[in-house]
């Protein structure tokens, strides 16, 4: 493991999951069954369930870690191996920019989810945004063997994409303050967002 990777793990990763947990727990309905797509080691899901004991989270990923905090099943990265409307919520946390075509997985999520989809990802907006995001992605994922196509979209393209789906954008939140200072001045900016999409035929 490189020095950069060790610093990322000690000072960035743990803070990141704590910050994201604080946002995500507010978006999950009571007694929800949640599918975490591309869950990695499942630490975020574990923290969410500690904060919300009423919530049950299962994970799927294209790579299985040696150790995970939640039950994780292997899948092919395209078809979610669950029945229609078998989960209340499907969430993607920094997953879709690893896909050549995010449309495939989000449509699968819309099939599997009864209520909503939660997406945490990045926007390629601002000075040196692409270079910064590529560096962040490499530091966080290369050592785990994660595919890195660096498919980062600007905010406008995300919104156009959401508009093409049979989903209603309920929330778009940026300025998540994931990184501690002074790293936040470079790596936060407006490069991150959390979105909540609800199925239009969902009354809850």
C-alpha atoms as a PDB file:
ATOM      1  CA  UNK A   1       0.000   0.000   0.000  1.00  0.00           C
ATOM      2  CA  UNK A   2       1.384   3.427  -0.958  1.00  0.00           C
ATOM      3  CA  UNK A   3       1.754   6.317   1.473  1.00  0.00           C
ATOM      4  CA  UNK A   4      -1.059   8.125  -0.345  1.00  0.00           C
ATOM      5  CA  UNK A   5      -3.350   5.127   0.128  1.00  0.00           C
ATOM      6  CA  UNK A   6      -2.499   4.875   3.831  1.00  0.00           C
ATOM      7  CA  UNK A   7      -3.251   8.570   4.371  1.00  0.00           C
ATOM      8  CA  UNK A   8      -6.512   8.228   2.429  1.00  0.00           C
ATOM      9  CA  UNK A   9      -7.598   5.252   4.523  1.00  0.00           C
ATOM     10  CA  UNK A  10      -6.748   6.843   7.872  1.00  0.00           C
ATOM     11  CA  UNK A  11      -7.849  10.439   7.406  1.00  0.00           C
ATOM     12  CA  UNK A  12     -10.336  10.448   4.515  1.00  0.00           C
ATOM     13  CA  UNK A  13     -12.209   7.158   4.161  1.00  0.00           C
ATOM     14  CA  UNK A  14     -13.545   6.943   7.718  1.00  0.00           C
ATOM     15  CA  UNK A  15     -14.649  10.579   7.708  1.00  0.00           C
ATOM     16  CA  UNK A  16     -16.281  10.087   4.313  1.00  0.00           C
ATOM     17  CA  UNK A  17     -18.451   7.200   5.453  1.00  0.00           C
ATOM     18  CA  UNK A  18     -19.485   9.035   8.635  1.00  0.00           C
ATOM     19  CA  UNK A  19     -20.501  12.144   6.669  1.00  0.00           C
ATOM     20  CA  UNK A  20     -22.386  10.151   4.047  1.00  0.00           C
ATOM     21  CA  UNK A  21     -24.123   8.118   6.743  1.00  0.00           C
ATOM     22  CA  UNK A  22     -25.465  11.323   8.268  1.00  0.00           C
ATOM     23  CA  UNK A  23     -27.056  12.326   4.958  1.00  0.00           C
ATOM     24  CA  UNK A  24     -28.323   8.925   3.850  1.00  0.00           C
ATOM     25  CA  UNK A  25     -30.082   7.967   7.097  1.00  0.00           C
ATOM     26  CA  UNK A  26     -32.392  10.946   6.604  1.00  0.00           C
ATOM     27  CA  UNK A  27     -33.491   9.693   3.182  1.00  0.00           C
ATOM     28  CA  UNK A  28     -34.411   6.122   4.066  1.00  0.00           C
ATOM     29  CA  UNK A  29     -38.050   5.503   5.110  1.00  0.00           C
ATOM     30  CA  UNK A  30     -39.013   3.651   8.276  1.00  0.00           C
ATOM     31  CA  UNK A  31     -38.531  -0.129   8.341  1.00  0.00           C
ATOM     32  CA  UNK A  32     -37.034  -0.059   4.855  1.00  0.00           C
ATOM     33  CA  UNK A  33     -35.327  -2.914   3.090  1.00  0.00           C
ATOM     34  CA  UNK A  34     -32.362  -1.436   1.203  1.00  0.00           C
ATOM     35  CA  UNK A  35     -30.080  -2.754  -1.529  1.00  0.00           C
ATOM     36  CA  UNK A  36     -26.604  -1.197  -1.635  1.00  0.00           C
ATOM     37  CA  UNK A  37     -25.282  -1.657  -5.191  1.00  0.00           C
ATOM     38  CA  UNK A  38     -21.496  -1.606  -5.388  1.00  0.00           C
ATOM     39  CA  UNK A  39     -21.243  -1.617  -1.603  1.00  0.00           C
ATOM     40  CA  UNK A  40     -17.510  -2.370  -1.339  1.00  0.00           C
ATOM     41  CA  UNK A  41     -16.720  -3.529   2.192  1.00  0.00           C
ATOM     42  CA  UNK A  42     -20.176  -2.487   3.425  1.00  0.00           C
ATOM     43  CA  UNK A  43     -18.901  -0.113   6.121  1.00  0.00           C
ATOM     44  CA  UNK A  44     -21.310   2.668   5.145  1.00  0.00           C
ATOM     45  CA  UNK A  45     -24.246   0.250   5.266  1.00  0.00           C
ATOM     46  CA  UNK A  46     -23.134  -0.972   8.699  1.00  0.00           C
ATOM     47  CA  UNK A  47     -23.027   2.582  10.058  1.00  0.00           C
ATOM     48  CA  UNK A  48     -26.462   3.328   8.604  1.00  0.00           C
ATOM     49  CA  UNK A  49     -27.947   0.275  10.327  1.00  0.00           C
ATOM     50  CA  UNK A  50     -26.317   1.293  13.613  1.00  0.00           C
ATOM     51  CA  UNK A  51     -28.032   4.678  13.337  1.00  0.00           C
ATOM     52  CA  UNK A  52     -31.258   3.141  12.025  1.00  0.00           C
ATOM     53  CA  UNK A  53     -31.887  -0.290  13.612  1.00  0.00           C
ATOM     54  CA  UNK A  54     -35.224  -0.433  11.769  1.00  0.00           C
ATOM     55  CA  UNK A  55     -33.402  -0.610   8.411  1.00  0.00           C
ATOM     56  CA  UNK A  56     -32.099  -3.789   6.745  1.00  0.00           C
ATOM     57  CA  UNK A  57     -29.359  -3.449   4.110  1.00  0.00           C
ATOM     58  CA  UNK A  58     -27.988  -6.074   1.735  1.00  0.00           C
ATOM     59  CA  UNK A  59     -25.125  -5.509  -0.684  1.00  0.00           C
ATOM     60  CA  UNK A  60     -24.125  -6.588  -4.175  1.00  0.00           C
ATOM     61  CA  UNK A  61     -20.822  -5.904  -5.918  1.00  0.00           C
ATOM     62  CA  UNK A  62     -18.785  -7.011  -8.916  1.00  0.00           C
ATOM     63  CA  UNK A  63     -15.832  -7.648  -6.596  1.00  0.00           C
ATOM     64  CA  UNK A  64     -16.025  -9.381  -3.232  1.00  0.00           C
ATOM     65  CA  UNK A  65     -13.682  -8.117  -0.529  1.00  0.00           C
ATOM     66  CA  UNK A  66     -11.908 -10.500   1.838  1.00  0.00           C
ATOM     67  CA  UNK A  67     -13.888  -8.939   4.676  1.00  0.00           C
ATOM     68  CA  UNK A  68     -17.235  -7.155   4.587  1.00  0.00           C
ATOM     69  CA  UNK A  69     -19.490  -5.629   7.234  1.00  0.00           C
ATOM     70  CA  UNK A  70     -22.772  -6.755   5.648  1.00  0.00           C
ATOM     71  CA  UNK A  71     -23.925  -9.722   3.533  1.00  0.00           C
ATOM     72  CA  UNK A  72     -22.640  -9.137  -0.023  1.00  0.00           C
ATOM     73  CA  UNK A  73     -23.501 -11.112  -3.158  1.00  0.00           C
ATOM     74  CA  UNK A  74     -21.568 -11.119  -6.408  1.00  0.00           C
ATOM     75  CA  UNK A  75     -23.292  -9.778  -9.543  1.00  0.00           C
ATOM     76  CA  UNK A  76     -22.342  -9.091 -13.141  1.00  0.00           C
ATOM     77  CA  UNK A  77     -22.492  -5.287 -12.975  1.00  0.00           C
ATOM     78  CA  UNK A  78     -25.486  -5.059 -15.301  1.00  0.00           C
ATOM     79  CA  UNK A  79     -28.436  -7.109 -14.086  1.00  0.00           C
ATOM     80  CA  UNK A  80     -29.457  -6.774 -10.437  1.00  0.00           C
ATOM     81  CA  UNK A  81     -30.174 -10.344  -9.280  1.00  0.00           C
ATOM     82  CA  UNK A  82     -33.395  -9.582  -7.421  1.00  0.00           C
ATOM     83  CA  UNK A  83     -37.079  -9.594  -8.258  1.00  0.00           C
ATOM     84  CA  UNK A  84     -39.156  -6.558  -9.222  1.00  0.00           C
ATOM     85  CA  UNK A  85     -39.915  -4.240  -6.278  1.00  0.00           C
ATOM     86  CA  UNK A  86     -38.106  -6.514  -3.834  1.00  0.00           C
ATOM     87  CA  UNK A  87     -36.487  -3.585  -1.962  1.00  0.00           C
ATOM     88  CA  UNK A  88     -37.896  -0.294  -0.717  1.00  0.00           C
ATOM     89  CA  UNK A  89     -34.734   1.633  -1.615  1.00  0.00           C
ATOM     90  CA  UNK A  90     -31.777   1.031  -3.907  1.00  0.00           C
ATOM     91  CA  UNK A  91     -28.657   3.094  -3.340  1.00  0.00           C
ATOM     92  CA  UNK A  92     -25.514   3.767  -5.354  1.00  0.00           C
ATOM     93  CA  UNK A  93     -22.634   5.411  -3.497  1.00  0.00           C
ATOM     94  CA  UNK A  94     -19.824   6.486  -5.851  1.00  0.00           C
ATOM     95  CA  UNK A  95     -20.646   3.620  -8.186  1.00  0.00           C
ATOM     96  CA  UNK A  96     -22.197   4.966 -11.382  1.00  0.00           C
ATOM     97  CA  UNK A  97     -19.094   6.765 -12.643  1.00  0.00           C
ATOM     98  CA  UNK A  98     -17.460   3.325 -12.799  1.00  0.00           C
ATOM     99  CA  UNK A  99     -20.034   2.212 -15.371  1.00  0.00           C
ATOM    100  CA  UNK A 100     -19.637   2.747 -19.138  1.00  0.00           C
ATOM    101  CA  UNK A 101     -23.433   3.298 -19.255  1.00  0.00           C
ATOM    102  CA  UNK A 102     -25.045   4.226 -15.896  1.00  0.00           C
ATOM    103  CA  UNK A 103     -28.459   4.084 -17.594  1.00  0.00           C
ATOM    104  CA  UNK A 104     -28.438   0.268 -17.435  1.00  0.00           C
ATOM    105  CA  UNK A 105     -27.986   0.030 -13.681  1.00  0.00           C
ATOM    106  CA  UNK A 106     -30.335   2.886 -12.794  1.00  0.00           C
ATOM    107  CA  UNK A 107     -33.107   1.341 -14.879  1.00  0.00           C
ATOM    108  CA  UNK A 108     -32.440  -1.944 -13.089  1.00  0.00           C
ATOM    109  CA  UNK A 109     -32.672  -0.091  -9.774  1.00  0.00           C
ATOM    110  CA  UNK A 110     -36.013   1.399 -10.807  1.00  0.00           C
ATOM    111  CA  UNK A 111     -37.247  -2.126 -11.469  1.00  0.00           C
ATOM    112  CA  UNK A 112     -36.072  -3.486  -8.117  1.00  0.00           C
ATOM    113  CA  UNK A 113     -37.026  -0.500  -5.913  1.00  0.00           C
ATOM    114  CA  UNK A 114     -40.537   0.007  -4.579  1.00  0.00           C
ATOM    115  CA  UNK A 115     -40.057   3.598  -3.439  1.00  0.00           C
ATOM    116  CA  UNK A 116     -36.840   5.411  -4.223  1.00  0.00           C
ATOM    117  CA  UNK A 117     -33.254   5.438  -5.451  1.00  0.00           C
ATOM    118  CA  UNK A 118     -30.442   7.254  -3.648  1.00  0.00           C
ATOM    119  CA  UNK A 119     -27.388   8.280  -5.665  1.00  0.00           C
ATOM    120  CA  UNK A 120     -24.129   9.711  -4.332  1.00  0.00           C
ATOM    121  CA  UNK A 121     -21.740  10.615  -7.125  1.00  0.00           C
ATOM    122  CA  UNK A 122     -19.716  13.446  -8.650  1.00  0.00           C
ATOM    123  CA  UNK A 123     -20.177  16.420 -10.952  1.00  0.00           C
ATOM    124  CA  UNK A 124     -17.446  17.318 -13.405  1.00  0.00           C
ATOM    125  CA  UNK A 125     -17.869  21.061 -13.008  1.00  0.00           C
ATOM    126  CA  UNK A 126     -15.277  23.700 -12.223  1.00  0.00           C
ATOM    127  CA  UNK A 127     -11.582  24.298 -12.744  1.00  0.00           C
ATOM    128  CA  UNK A 128      -9.527  21.085 -12.999  1.00  0.00           C
ATOM    129  CA  UNK A 129     -12.593  19.055 -11.984  1.00  0.00           C
ATOM    130  CA  UNK A 130     -11.806  16.093 -14.237  1.00  0.00           C
ATOM    131  CA  UNK A 131      -8.165  15.871 -13.098  1.00  0.00           C
ATOM    132  CA  UNK A 132      -9.170  16.116  -9.438  1.00  0.00           C
ATOM    133  CA  UNK A 133     -11.877  13.458  -9.734  1.00  0.00           C
ATOM    134  CA  UNK A 134      -9.559  11.075 -11.567  1.00  0.00           C
ATOM    135  CA  UNK A 135      -6.966  11.431  -8.810  1.00  0.00           C
ATOM    136  CA  UNK A 136      -9.556  10.859  -6.078  1.00  0.00           C
ATOM    137  CA  UNK A 137     -10.919   7.797  -7.863  1.00  0.00           C
ATOM    138  CA  UNK A 138      -7.470   6.289  -8.372  1.00  0.00           C
ATOM    139  CA  UNK A 139      -6.434   6.790  -4.747  1.00  0.00           C
ATOM    140  CA  UNK A 140      -9.663   5.364  -3.379  1.00  0.00           C
ATOM    141  CA  UNK A 141     -10.159   2.415  -5.709  1.00  0.00           C
ATOM    142  CA  UNK A 142      -7.127   1.322  -7.744  1.00  0.00           C
ATOM    143  CA  UNK A 143      -5.676  -0.848  -4.966  1.00  0.00           C
ATOM    144  CA  UNK A 144      -8.955  -2.800  -4.750  1.00  0.00           C
ATOM    145  CA  UNK A 145      -8.888  -3.721  -8.450  1.00  0.00           C
ATOM    146  CA  UNK A 146     -11.931  -1.568  -9.248  1.00  0.00           C
ATOM    147  CA  UNK A 147     -12.398  -0.685 -12.917  1.00  0.00           C
ATOM    148  CA  UNK A 148     -11.692   3.014 -13.481  1.00  0.00           C
ATOM    149  CA  UNK A 149     -13.291   4.362 -16.692  1.00  0.00           C
ATOM    150  CA  UNK A 150     -13.489   7.859 -15.081  1.00  0.00           C
ATOM    151  CA  UNK A 151     -16.964   8.387 -16.517  1.00  0.00           C
ATOM    152  CA  UNK A 152     -17.669  11.647 -14.694  1.00  0.00           C
ATOM    153  CA  UNK A 153     -20.621  13.768 -15.823  1.00  0.00           C
ATOM    154  CA  UNK A 154     -21.324  17.488 -15.401  1.00  0.00           C
ATOM    155  CA  UNK A 155     -24.417  18.424 -13.404  1.00  0.00           C
ATOM    156  CA  UNK A 156     -26.387  19.274 -16.556  1.00  0.00           C
ATOM    157  CA  UNK A 157     -25.954  15.770 -17.939  1.00  0.00           C
ATOM    158  CA  UNK A 158     -27.043  14.177 -14.649  1.00  0.00           C
ATOM    159  CA  UNK A 159     -30.239  16.244 -14.657  1.00  0.00           C
ATOM    160  CA  UNK A 160     -30.932  15.369 -18.300  1.00  0.00           C
ATOM    161  CA  UNK A 161     -30.380  11.716 -17.458  1.00  0.00           C
ATOM    162  CA  UNK A 162     -32.818  11.823 -14.532  1.00  0.00           C
ATOM    163  CA  UNK A 163     -35.379  13.499 -16.774  1.00  0.00           C
ATOM    164  CA  UNK A 164     -35.232  10.577 -19.218  1.00  0.00           C
ATOM    165  CA  UNK A 165     -36.239   8.082 -16.522  1.00  0.00           C
ATOM    166  CA  UNK A 166     -39.674   7.474 -15.058  1.00  0.00           C
ATOM    167  CA  UNK A 167     -38.378   8.935 -11.805  1.00  0.00           C
ATOM    168  CA  UNK A 168     -38.948  12.209  -9.990  1.00  0.00           C
ATOM    169  CA  UNK A 169     -35.968  14.117  -8.595  1.00  0.00           C
ATOM    170  CA  UNK A 170     -36.874  14.849  -4.968  1.00  0.00           C
ATOM    171  CA  UNK A 171     -33.518  16.065  -3.685  1.00  0.00           C
ATOM    172  CA  UNK A 172     -30.224  17.317  -5.052  1.00  0.00           C
ATOM    173  CA  UNK A 173     -27.683  18.238  -2.386  1.00  0.00           C
ATOM    174  CA  UNK A 174     -24.131  19.410  -2.993  1.00  0.00           C
ATOM    175  CA  UNK A 175     -21.452  20.904  -0.693  1.00  0.00           C
ATOM    176  CA  UNK A 176     -21.340  17.745   1.404  1.00  0.00           C
ATOM    177  CA  UNK A 177     -18.115  18.698   3.275  1.00  0.00           C
ATOM    178  CA  UNK A 178     -16.709  15.198   3.023  1.00  0.00           C
ATOM    179  CA  UNK A 179     -13.049  16.114   3.456  1.00  0.00           C
ATOM    180  CA  UNK A 180     -11.288  17.762   6.404  1.00  0.00           C
ATOM    181  CA  UNK A 181      -9.497  21.071   5.879  1.00  0.00           C
ATOM    182  CA  UNK A 182      -7.287  21.882   4.062  1.00  0.00           C
ATOM    183  CA  UNK A 183      -8.089  18.932   1.754  1.00  0.00           C
ATOM    184  CA  UNK A 184     -11.682  20.179   1.447  1.00  0.00           C
ATOM    185  CA  UNK A 185     -10.524  23.276  -0.437  1.00  0.00           C
ATOM    186  CA  UNK A 186      -9.373  21.055  -3.306  1.00  0.00           C
ATOM    187  CA  UNK A 187     -11.458  17.881  -3.072  1.00  0.00           C
ATOM    188  CA  UNK A 188     -14.885  19.118  -1.932  1.00  0.00           C
ATOM    189  CA  UNK A 189     -15.829  22.268  -3.859  1.00  0.00           C
ATOM    190  CA  UNK A 190     -18.967  21.261  -5.831  1.00  0.00           C
ATOM    191  CA  UNK A 191     -17.599  17.924  -6.986  1.00  0.00           C
ATOM    192  CA  UNK A 192     -20.018  15.786  -4.940  1.00  0.00           C
ATOM    193  CA  UNK A 193     -23.779  15.392  -4.757  1.00  0.00           C
ATOM    194  CA  UNK A 194     -26.483  13.243  -3.241  1.00  0.00           C
ATOM    195  CA  UNK A 195     -29.722  12.829  -5.184  1.00  0.00           C
ATOM    196  CA  UNK A 196     -32.960  11.124  -4.214  1.00  0.00           C
ATOM    197  CA  UNK A 197     -35.203   9.867  -6.993  1.00  0.00           C
ATOM    198  CA  UNK A 198     -38.716   8.614  -6.332  1.00  0.00           C
ATOM    199  CA  UNK A 199     -40.812   6.392  -8.533  1.00  0.00           C
ATOM    200  CA  UNK A 200     -43.641   8.485  -9.957  1.00  0.00           C
ATOM    201  CA  UNK A 201     -46.249   5.901  -9.148  1.00  0.00           C
ATOM    202  CA  UNK A 202     -45.104   5.683  -5.513  1.00  0.00           C
ATOM    203  CA  UNK A 203     -47.572   7.314  -3.106  1.00  0.00           C
ATOM    204  CA  UNK A 204     -45.327   7.129  -0.019  1.00  0.00           C
END
